[in-house]
N, C-alpha and C. Protein backbone atom coordinates (compact mmCIF):
# COMPACT_ATOMS: atom_id res chain seq x y z
N MET A 1 13.37 207.46 123.79
CA MET A 1 13.26 206.14 124.37
C MET A 1 14.58 205.40 124.18
N ALA A 2 15.12 204.83 125.23
CA ALA A 2 16.40 204.15 125.20
C ALA A 2 16.27 202.78 124.54
N LYS A 3 17.35 202.35 123.90
CA LYS A 3 17.37 201.03 123.29
C LYS A 3 17.45 199.98 124.40
N THR A 4 16.60 198.99 124.32
CA THR A 4 16.65 197.92 125.31
C THR A 4 17.26 196.66 124.72
N TYR A 5 17.49 196.67 123.41
CA TYR A 5 18.03 195.52 122.72
C TYR A 5 19.45 195.87 122.28
N LYS A 6 20.43 195.33 122.97
CA LYS A 6 21.81 195.70 122.74
C LYS A 6 22.32 195.24 121.38
N ARG A 7 23.30 195.93 120.90
CA ARG A 7 23.91 195.58 119.62
C ARG A 7 24.52 194.19 119.66
N THR A 8 25.18 193.85 120.75
CA THR A 8 25.80 192.52 120.83
C THR A 8 24.75 191.42 120.76
N GLN A 9 23.58 191.66 121.32
CA GLN A 9 22.51 190.65 121.25
C GLN A 9 22.02 190.49 119.81
N ARG A 10 21.92 191.59 119.08
CA ARG A 10 21.53 191.49 117.67
C ARG A 10 22.57 190.72 116.87
N ILE A 11 23.84 190.96 117.17
CA ILE A 11 24.92 190.25 116.48
C ILE A 11 24.90 188.78 116.87
N ASN A 12 24.65 188.48 118.14
CA ASN A 12 24.53 187.08 118.59
C ASN A 12 23.46 186.35 117.78
N ASP A 13 22.31 186.97 117.66
CA ASP A 13 21.20 186.35 116.92
C ASP A 13 21.53 186.19 115.44
N LEU A 14 22.16 187.21 114.86
CA LEU A 14 22.53 187.15 113.45
C LEU A 14 23.53 186.03 113.18
N ILE A 15 24.54 185.92 114.04
CA ILE A 15 25.55 184.87 113.87
C ILE A 15 24.92 183.49 114.07
N GLN A 16 24.03 183.36 115.04
CA GLN A 16 23.39 182.07 115.30
C GLN A 16 22.60 181.59 114.08
N THR A 17 21.76 182.44 113.53
CA THR A 17 20.94 182.02 112.40
C THR A 17 21.79 181.80 111.15
N THR A 18 22.78 182.64 110.92
CA THR A 18 23.61 182.51 109.73
C THR A 18 24.48 181.26 109.80
N LEU A 19 25.09 181.00 110.95
CA LEU A 19 25.90 179.79 111.09
C LEU A 19 25.06 178.53 110.94
N ALA A 20 23.85 178.55 111.48
CA ALA A 20 22.98 177.39 111.33
C ALA A 20 22.69 177.12 109.86
N GLN A 21 22.46 178.18 109.10
CA GLN A 21 22.22 178.02 107.67
C GLN A 21 23.46 177.53 106.94
N ILE A 22 24.61 178.05 107.31
CA ILE A 22 25.86 177.64 106.67
C ILE A 22 26.14 176.17 106.94
N ILE A 23 26.00 175.75 108.19
CA ILE A 23 26.26 174.36 108.54
C ILE A 23 25.28 173.44 107.83
N GLN A 24 24.04 173.83 107.79
CA GLN A 24 23.02 173.00 107.14
C GLN A 24 23.24 172.91 105.63
N ARG A 25 23.59 174.02 105.01
CA ARG A 25 23.67 174.09 103.56
C ARG A 25 25.03 173.68 103.00
N ASP A 26 26.11 174.15 103.61
CA ASP A 26 27.42 174.04 102.98
C ASP A 26 28.34 172.98 103.55
N ALA A 27 28.13 172.57 104.77
CA ALA A 27 29.09 171.67 105.41
C ALA A 27 29.06 170.30 104.75
N LYS A 28 30.21 169.86 104.30
CA LYS A 28 30.33 168.56 103.64
C LYS A 28 30.60 167.45 104.66
N ASP A 29 31.05 167.80 105.83
CA ASP A 29 31.39 166.82 106.86
C ASP A 29 30.12 166.23 107.45
N LEU A 30 29.97 164.94 107.40
CA LEU A 30 28.76 164.27 107.89
C LEU A 30 28.59 164.38 109.41
N ARG A 31 29.66 164.69 110.11
CA ARG A 31 29.57 164.82 111.57
C ARG A 31 28.77 166.05 111.99
N PHE A 32 28.52 166.96 111.05
CA PHE A 32 27.75 168.16 111.35
C PHE A 32 26.25 167.93 111.23
N GLY A 33 25.83 166.77 110.80
CA GLY A 33 24.45 166.53 110.43
C GLY A 33 23.42 166.81 111.50
N MET A 34 23.65 166.43 112.71
CA MET A 34 22.66 166.56 113.77
C MET A 34 23.07 167.59 114.81
N VAL A 35 23.52 168.75 114.36
CA VAL A 35 23.98 169.81 115.24
C VAL A 35 22.93 170.91 115.30
N THR A 36 22.67 171.40 116.51
CA THR A 36 21.79 172.54 116.69
C THR A 36 22.57 173.62 117.42
N ILE A 37 22.56 174.82 116.88
CA ILE A 37 23.21 175.94 117.55
C ILE A 37 22.21 176.51 118.53
N THR A 38 22.51 176.35 119.82
CA THR A 38 21.57 176.77 120.85
C THR A 38 21.79 178.22 121.29
N GLY A 39 22.95 178.76 121.00
CA GLY A 39 23.19 180.15 121.38
C GLY A 39 24.56 180.61 120.95
N VAL A 40 24.74 181.91 120.93
CA VAL A 40 26.02 182.53 120.59
C VAL A 40 26.26 183.65 121.59
N ASP A 41 27.50 183.76 122.05
CA ASP A 41 27.87 184.83 122.97
C ASP A 41 29.11 185.52 122.41
N VAL A 42 28.92 186.72 121.88
CA VAL A 42 30.01 187.49 121.27
C VAL A 42 30.59 188.42 122.32
N SER A 43 31.93 188.51 122.33
CA SER A 43 32.58 189.44 123.25
C SER A 43 32.27 190.88 122.82
N HIS A 44 32.45 191.82 123.71
CA HIS A 44 32.10 193.22 123.43
C HIS A 44 32.93 193.82 122.30
N ASP A 45 34.17 193.35 122.15
CA ASP A 45 35.01 193.86 121.07
C ASP A 45 34.85 193.07 119.77
N LEU A 46 33.94 192.11 119.74
CA LEU A 46 33.63 191.28 118.58
C LEU A 46 34.80 190.42 118.11
N ALA A 47 35.76 190.17 119.00
CA ALA A 47 36.92 189.37 118.62
C ALA A 47 36.65 187.87 118.74
N LEU A 48 35.76 187.48 119.64
CA LEU A 48 35.51 186.07 119.89
C LEU A 48 34.02 185.81 120.02
N ALA A 49 33.57 184.72 119.42
CA ALA A 49 32.18 184.31 119.55
C ALA A 49 32.17 182.87 120.07
N LYS A 50 31.59 182.68 121.23
CA LYS A 50 31.39 181.34 121.75
C LYS A 50 30.08 180.83 121.17
N VAL A 51 30.16 179.75 120.43
CA VAL A 51 28.99 179.18 119.77
C VAL A 51 28.62 177.90 120.52
N PHE A 52 27.45 177.91 121.15
CA PHE A 52 27.00 176.78 121.93
C PHE A 52 26.18 175.86 121.04
N VAL A 53 26.57 174.58 121.01
CA VAL A 53 25.90 173.61 120.15
C VAL A 53 25.43 172.42 120.96
N SER A 54 24.33 171.86 120.53
CA SER A 54 23.87 170.60 121.09
C SER A 54 23.83 169.59 119.97
N VAL A 55 24.05 168.34 120.33
CA VAL A 55 24.14 167.26 119.36
C VAL A 55 23.06 166.25 119.68
N LEU A 56 22.35 165.79 118.65
CA LEU A 56 21.26 164.85 118.86
C LEU A 56 21.76 163.55 119.48
N GLU A 57 22.85 163.01 118.96
CA GLU A 57 23.42 161.79 119.50
C GLU A 57 24.49 162.17 120.51
N GLU A 58 24.19 161.98 121.78
CA GLU A 58 25.08 162.43 122.85
C GLU A 58 26.46 161.77 122.78
N GLY A 59 26.51 160.53 122.31
CA GLY A 59 27.78 159.81 122.22
C GLY A 59 28.74 160.40 121.20
N LYS A 60 28.22 161.14 120.23
CA LYS A 60 29.06 161.73 119.19
C LYS A 60 29.38 163.20 119.45
N ALA A 61 29.09 163.68 120.63
CA ALA A 61 29.27 165.10 120.93
C ALA A 61 30.73 165.52 120.84
N LYS A 62 31.61 164.73 121.41
CA LYS A 62 33.03 165.10 121.40
C LYS A 62 33.58 165.11 119.97
N GLU A 63 33.23 164.10 119.20
CA GLU A 63 33.67 164.02 117.80
C GLU A 63 33.14 165.20 116.99
N THR A 64 31.90 165.57 117.23
CA THR A 64 31.29 166.69 116.51
C THR A 64 31.97 168.01 116.87
N LEU A 65 32.26 168.20 118.17
CA LEU A 65 32.94 169.43 118.59
C LEU A 65 34.33 169.55 117.97
N VAL A 66 35.04 168.43 117.92
CA VAL A 66 36.37 168.46 117.30
C VAL A 66 36.25 168.84 115.83
N ALA A 67 35.28 168.27 115.14
CA ALA A 67 35.08 168.58 113.72
C ALA A 67 34.70 170.04 113.52
N LEU A 68 33.82 170.57 114.36
CA LEU A 68 33.42 171.97 114.24
C LEU A 68 34.58 172.91 114.52
N ASN A 69 35.36 172.61 115.56
CA ASN A 69 36.49 173.48 115.87
C ASN A 69 37.59 173.38 114.82
N ASN A 70 37.71 172.22 114.16
CA ASN A 70 38.66 172.10 113.05
C ASN A 70 38.20 172.89 111.83
N ALA A 71 36.91 173.02 111.66
CA ALA A 71 36.35 173.73 110.50
C ALA A 71 36.05 175.19 110.81
N ASN A 72 36.49 175.69 111.96
CA ASN A 72 36.09 177.05 112.34
C ASN A 72 36.62 178.12 111.40
N LYS A 73 37.77 177.92 110.76
CA LYS A 73 38.27 178.92 109.82
C LYS A 73 37.38 178.99 108.58
N TYR A 74 36.99 177.82 108.08
CA TYR A 74 36.08 177.79 106.93
C TYR A 74 34.75 178.42 107.29
N LEU A 75 34.21 178.08 108.46
CA LEU A 75 32.91 178.62 108.89
C LEU A 75 33.00 180.12 109.12
N ARG A 76 34.13 180.59 109.64
CA ARG A 76 34.32 182.03 109.85
C ARG A 76 34.37 182.76 108.51
N TYR A 77 35.06 182.16 107.54
CA TYR A 77 35.14 182.74 106.20
C TYR A 77 33.75 182.84 105.58
N GLU A 78 32.97 181.77 105.67
CA GLU A 78 31.62 181.77 105.12
C GLU A 78 30.73 182.79 105.85
N LEU A 79 30.91 182.88 107.16
CA LEU A 79 30.15 183.85 107.96
C LEU A 79 30.50 185.28 107.53
N ALA A 80 31.78 185.54 107.30
CA ALA A 80 32.21 186.88 106.87
C ALA A 80 31.60 187.24 105.52
N ASN A 81 31.45 186.27 104.63
CA ASN A 81 30.85 186.53 103.33
C ASN A 81 29.34 186.71 103.42
N ALA A 82 28.73 186.10 104.42
CA ALA A 82 27.26 186.14 104.52
C ALA A 82 26.74 187.37 105.26
N VAL A 83 27.49 187.88 106.21
CA VAL A 83 27.03 189.04 106.99
C VAL A 83 28.04 190.18 106.85
N GLU A 84 27.53 191.38 107.00
CA GLU A 84 28.39 192.54 106.90
C GLU A 84 28.71 193.05 108.29
N LEU A 85 29.86 192.62 108.79
CA LEU A 85 30.37 193.10 110.06
C LEU A 85 31.77 193.67 109.83
N ARG A 86 32.10 194.69 110.58
CA ARG A 86 33.44 195.27 110.45
C ARG A 86 34.49 194.24 110.84
N VAL A 87 34.20 193.49 111.91
CA VAL A 87 35.10 192.44 112.39
C VAL A 87 34.28 191.16 112.49
N THR A 88 34.77 190.10 111.86
CA THR A 88 34.12 188.80 112.00
C THR A 88 34.82 188.07 113.13
N PRO A 89 34.09 187.71 114.17
CA PRO A 89 34.73 187.12 115.34
C PRO A 89 35.28 185.72 115.08
N GLU A 90 36.30 185.39 115.85
CA GLU A 90 36.83 184.02 115.84
C GLU A 90 35.78 183.14 116.50
N LEU A 91 35.57 181.95 115.95
CA LEU A 91 34.52 181.06 116.45
C LEU A 91 35.12 179.99 117.35
N LYS A 92 34.49 179.80 118.49
CA LYS A 92 34.87 178.73 119.40
C LYS A 92 33.59 177.96 119.73
N PHE A 93 33.57 176.68 119.37
CA PHE A 93 32.38 175.86 119.57
C PHE A 93 32.46 175.17 120.92
N ILE A 94 31.35 175.25 121.67
CA ILE A 94 31.27 174.70 123.02
C ILE A 94 30.02 173.84 123.10
N TYR A 95 30.16 172.65 123.70
CA TYR A 95 29.03 171.73 123.83
C TYR A 95 28.05 172.25 124.87
N ASP A 96 26.78 172.29 124.52
CA ASP A 96 25.71 172.73 125.41
C ASP A 96 24.89 171.50 125.80
N ASP A 97 25.03 171.08 127.03
CA ASP A 97 24.33 169.87 127.48
C ASP A 97 23.01 170.17 128.17
N SER A 98 22.49 171.37 128.01
CA SER A 98 21.26 171.74 128.70
C SER A 98 20.07 170.91 128.24
N THR A 99 20.01 170.55 126.96
CA THR A 99 18.89 169.74 126.49
C THR A 99 18.96 168.33 127.06
N VAL A 100 20.16 167.80 127.18
CA VAL A 100 20.33 166.46 127.76
C VAL A 100 19.95 166.49 129.24
N ARG A 101 20.40 167.52 129.95
CA ARG A 101 20.05 167.65 131.37
C ARG A 101 18.56 167.84 131.54
N GLY A 102 17.95 168.65 130.68
CA GLY A 102 16.50 168.87 130.76
C GLY A 102 15.73 167.59 130.52
N HIS A 103 16.16 166.81 129.55
CA HIS A 103 15.49 165.53 129.28
C HIS A 103 15.64 164.58 130.46
N ARG A 104 16.84 164.56 131.05
CA ARG A 104 17.10 163.69 132.20
C ARG A 104 16.23 164.10 133.40
N ILE A 105 16.10 165.38 133.66
CA ILE A 105 15.27 165.87 134.76
C ILE A 105 13.81 165.56 134.49
N SER A 106 13.38 165.76 133.26
CA SER A 106 12.00 165.47 132.90
C SER A 106 11.67 163.99 133.10
N SER A 107 12.59 163.11 132.70
CA SER A 107 12.34 161.68 132.88
C SER A 107 12.33 161.31 134.37
N LEU A 108 13.17 161.94 135.18
CA LEU A 108 13.16 161.68 136.62
C LEU A 108 11.83 162.11 137.24
N ILE A 109 11.33 163.26 136.82
CA ILE A 109 10.04 163.74 137.34
C ILE A 109 8.92 162.80 136.91
N ASN A 110 8.93 162.40 135.64
CA ASN A 110 7.89 161.48 135.16
C ASN A 110 7.93 160.15 135.90
N ASN A 111 9.15 159.63 136.14
CA ASN A 111 9.27 158.37 136.87
C ASN A 111 8.79 158.52 138.31
N SER A 112 9.11 159.66 138.91
CA SER A 112 8.66 159.90 140.29
C SER A 112 7.15 159.99 140.37
N LEU A 113 6.54 160.70 139.42
CA LEU A 113 5.09 160.80 139.40
C LEU A 113 4.45 159.44 139.14
N LYS A 114 5.05 158.66 138.28
CA LYS A 114 4.55 157.33 137.96
C LYS A 114 4.63 156.42 139.19
N ASP A 115 5.78 156.46 139.89
CA ASP A 115 5.94 155.66 141.11
C ASP A 115 4.97 156.11 142.19
N ASN A 116 4.79 157.42 142.33
CA ASN A 116 3.87 157.95 143.33
C ASN A 116 2.44 157.52 143.03
N HIS A 117 2.07 157.52 141.77
CA HIS A 117 0.72 157.13 141.38
C HIS A 117 0.50 155.64 141.63
N GLU A 118 1.52 154.81 141.39
CA GLU A 118 1.39 153.38 141.61
C GLU A 118 1.29 153.02 143.09
N THR A 119 2.00 153.73 143.96
CA THR A 119 1.97 153.41 145.39
C THR A 119 0.77 154.02 146.10
N ASP A 120 0.27 155.12 145.58
CA ASP A 120 -0.84 155.80 146.24
C ASP A 120 -1.91 156.15 145.18
N PRO A 121 -2.66 155.15 144.70
CA PRO A 121 -3.66 155.43 143.68
C PRO A 121 -4.76 156.33 144.23
N LYS A 122 -5.28 157.15 143.35
CA LYS A 122 -6.36 158.05 143.76
C LYS A 122 -7.63 157.25 144.00
N LYS A 123 -8.34 157.66 145.01
CA LYS A 123 -9.60 156.99 145.32
C LYS A 123 -10.70 157.62 144.48
N ASP A 124 -11.51 156.78 143.86
CA ASP A 124 -12.60 157.27 143.03
C ASP A 124 -13.85 157.46 143.81
């Protein structure tokens, strides 16, 4: 039976959970407080890992990304100590706005349904 779960996907998951633990436990910078790692995409040669993060406070997203990218050497060092990989990839943090877009779409749908209900009430 062939493997359906690729090695890179296992490494993506491992890096995601480990980095989340490192940021939660070890990061002294307060700008990391409300960060969620939504995904990791490691290159095939394991040289680079794009780490997608979402921030609870949308206004602080740029500041948080700058702080994470400034701390990437420390986070890479901690990641290398926490997991056993032949090569620990360089980390590049990228803002993931999918949760913000999802919330915005959800509120638009709710408002549309609310407006539709107000203009055309159901007959009992």
